[in-house]
Amino acid sequence: MSGKIPGVNITTLSALSEPNRMNIVELLRQGPLTVGEIADQLGLRQPQTSKHLKVLSDNGIVEMQAEGNRRIYKLRPEPFQALNSWIQSFQSVMQERFDHLDAYLKELQNKDK
């Protein structure tokens, strides 16, 4: 196994595995926020929040827009679309397995009758 997920950068998963970064992503699902707003809502210090945002930005999960001296962060859709496609690729495999299980269970029930 190569550890590669088609269309998904493995560092995206690594970046999201840290609880504070995942909390930031959850906040940003509601819309763009400044560093200060994120820090306040999560009870983090601003430097700590900025470090987490840098990791998310470096991994293409968020993008920043400067407005004066404010830095506004928002989610980028592409990494989540890639993750969604990857997860959905399992749906047909799992559905087929459930169908086989269902057929087997029906066969067992018919034997008991």
Protein backbone atom coordinates (compact mmCIF):
# COMPACT_ATOMS: atom_id res chain seq x y z
CA MET A 1 0.00 0.00 0.00
CA SER A 2 1.52 3.31 -1.08
CA GLY A 3 -0.25 5.57 1.43
CA LYS A 4 -1.59 7.73 -1.39
CA ILE A 5 -5.22 8.66 -1.74
CA PRO A 6 -6.20 9.62 -5.29
CA GLY A 7 -6.88 13.35 -5.44
CA VAL A 8 -6.24 13.79 -1.71
CA ASN A 9 -3.02 15.16 -0.31
CA ILE A 10 -2.16 12.99 2.70
CA THR A 11 -0.87 16.08 4.50
CA THR A 12 -4.46 17.40 4.39
CA LEU A 13 -5.50 14.55 6.65
CA SER A 14 -2.48 15.12 8.85
CA ALA A 15 -3.27 18.83 9.18
CA LEU A 16 -6.88 18.07 10.06
CA SER A 17 -5.91 15.47 12.65
CA GLU A 18 -4.88 18.13 15.18
CA PRO A 19 -7.92 19.02 17.35
CA ASN A 20 -7.42 22.81 17.35
CA ARG A 21 -7.07 22.88 13.58
CA MET A 22 -10.19 20.76 13.20
CA ASN A 23 -12.02 23.20 15.51
CA ILE A 24 -10.85 26.08 13.33
CA VAL A 25 -12.18 24.29 10.24
CA GLU A 26 -15.51 23.71 12.00
CA LEU A 27 -15.72 27.43 12.82
CA LEU A 28 -14.87 28.44 9.27
CA ARG A 29 -17.65 26.23 7.93
CA GLN A 30 -19.97 29.02 9.10
CA GLY A 31 -18.10 31.62 7.06
CA PRO A 32 -14.91 33.69 6.91
CA LEU A 33 -13.38 34.92 10.17
CA THR A 34 -10.41 36.97 11.28
CA VAL A 35 -7.58 35.50 13.34
CA GLY A 36 -8.86 37.41 16.37
CA GLU A 37 -12.40 36.10 15.97
CA ILE A 38 -11.15 32.53 15.67
CA ALA A 39 -8.89 32.94 18.71
CA ASP A 40 -11.71 34.44 20.78
CA GLN A 41 -14.25 31.79 19.84
CA LEU A 42 -11.87 28.92 20.56
CA GLY A 43 -10.24 30.44 23.65
CA LEU A 44 -6.79 30.32 22.06
CA ARG A 45 -4.05 32.92 22.08
CA GLN A 46 -3.65 34.79 18.80
CA PRO A 47 -0.07 33.56 18.10
CA GLN A 48 -1.20 29.95 18.64
CA THR A 49 -4.17 30.49 16.33
CA SER A 50 -1.94 32.05 13.69
CA LYS A 51 0.38 29.02 13.77
CA HIS A 52 -2.55 26.66 13.26
CA LEU A 53 -3.89 28.82 10.43
CA LYS A 54 -0.45 28.76 8.78
CA VAL A 55 -0.47 24.96 8.79
CA LEU A 56 -3.99 24.93 7.35
CA SER A 57 -2.98 27.49 4.74
CA ASP A 58 0.25 25.68 3.81
CA ASN A 59 -1.83 22.54 3.22
CA GLY A 60 -4.34 24.36 1.01
CA ILE A 61 -7.24 23.98 3.44
CA VAL A 62 -7.79 27.69 4.07
CA GLU A 63 -7.00 30.85 2.20
CA MET A 64 -6.35 34.28 3.60
CA GLN A 65 -7.47 37.65 2.34
CA ALA A 66 -5.86 40.78 3.72
CA GLU A 67 -8.12 43.75 4.40
CA GLY A 68 -6.03 46.53 5.85
CA ASN A 69 -4.34 45.11 8.92
CA ARG A 70 -6.91 42.31 9.26
CA ARG A 71 -6.37 38.79 7.95
CA ILE A 72 -9.60 37.06 7.03
CA TYR A 73 -9.55 33.28 6.61
CA LYS A 74 -11.99 31.08 4.76
CA LEU A 75 -12.13 27.44 3.76
CA ARG A 76 -11.07 26.34 0.29
CA PRO A 77 -13.55 23.84 -1.17
CA GLU A 78 -11.07 21.77 -3.21
CA PRO A 79 -9.51 19.66 -0.41
CA PHE A 80 -12.95 18.81 0.95
CA GLN A 81 -14.26 17.92 -2.50
CA ALA A 82 -11.30 15.57 -2.94
CA LEU A 83 -11.92 13.98 0.47
CA ASN A 84 -15.60 13.59 -0.33
CA SER A 85 -14.83 11.90 -3.66
CA TRP A 86 -12.44 9.52 -1.95
CA ILE A 87 -14.98 8.62 0.74
CA GLN A 88 -17.72 8.16 -1.85
CA SER A 89 -15.48 5.72 -3.73
CA PHE A 90 -16.10 3.31 -0.85
CA GLN A 91 -19.86 3.63 -1.09
CA SER A 92 -20.32 1.21 -4.00
CA VAL A 93 -17.92 -1.29 -2.45
CA MET A 94 -19.75 -1.18 0.87
CA GLN A 95 -23.16 -1.31 -0.80
CA GLU A 96 -22.12 -4.43 -2.69
CA ARG A 97 -20.95 -6.05 0.54
CA PHE A 98 -24.23 -5.19 2.28
CA ASP A 99 -26.17 -6.60 -0.68
CA HIS A 100 -24.21 -9.87 -0.44
CA LEU A 101 -24.80 -10.00 3.32
CA ASP A 102 -28.52 -9.35 2.81
CA ALA A 103 -28.73 -12.14 0.21
CA TYR A 104 -26.87 -14.52 2.53
CA LEU A 105 -29.14 -13.72 5.47
CA LYS A 106 -32.24 -14.25 3.32
CA GLU A 107 -30.79 -17.58 2.19
CA LEU A 108 -30.28 -18.61 5.82
CA GLN A 109 -33.84 -17.59 6.70
CA ASN A 110 -35.21 -19.62 3.80
CA LYS A 111 -33.29 -22.72 4.98
CA ASP A 112 -34.91 -22.43 8.42
CA LYS A 113 -38.43 -22.47 6.91
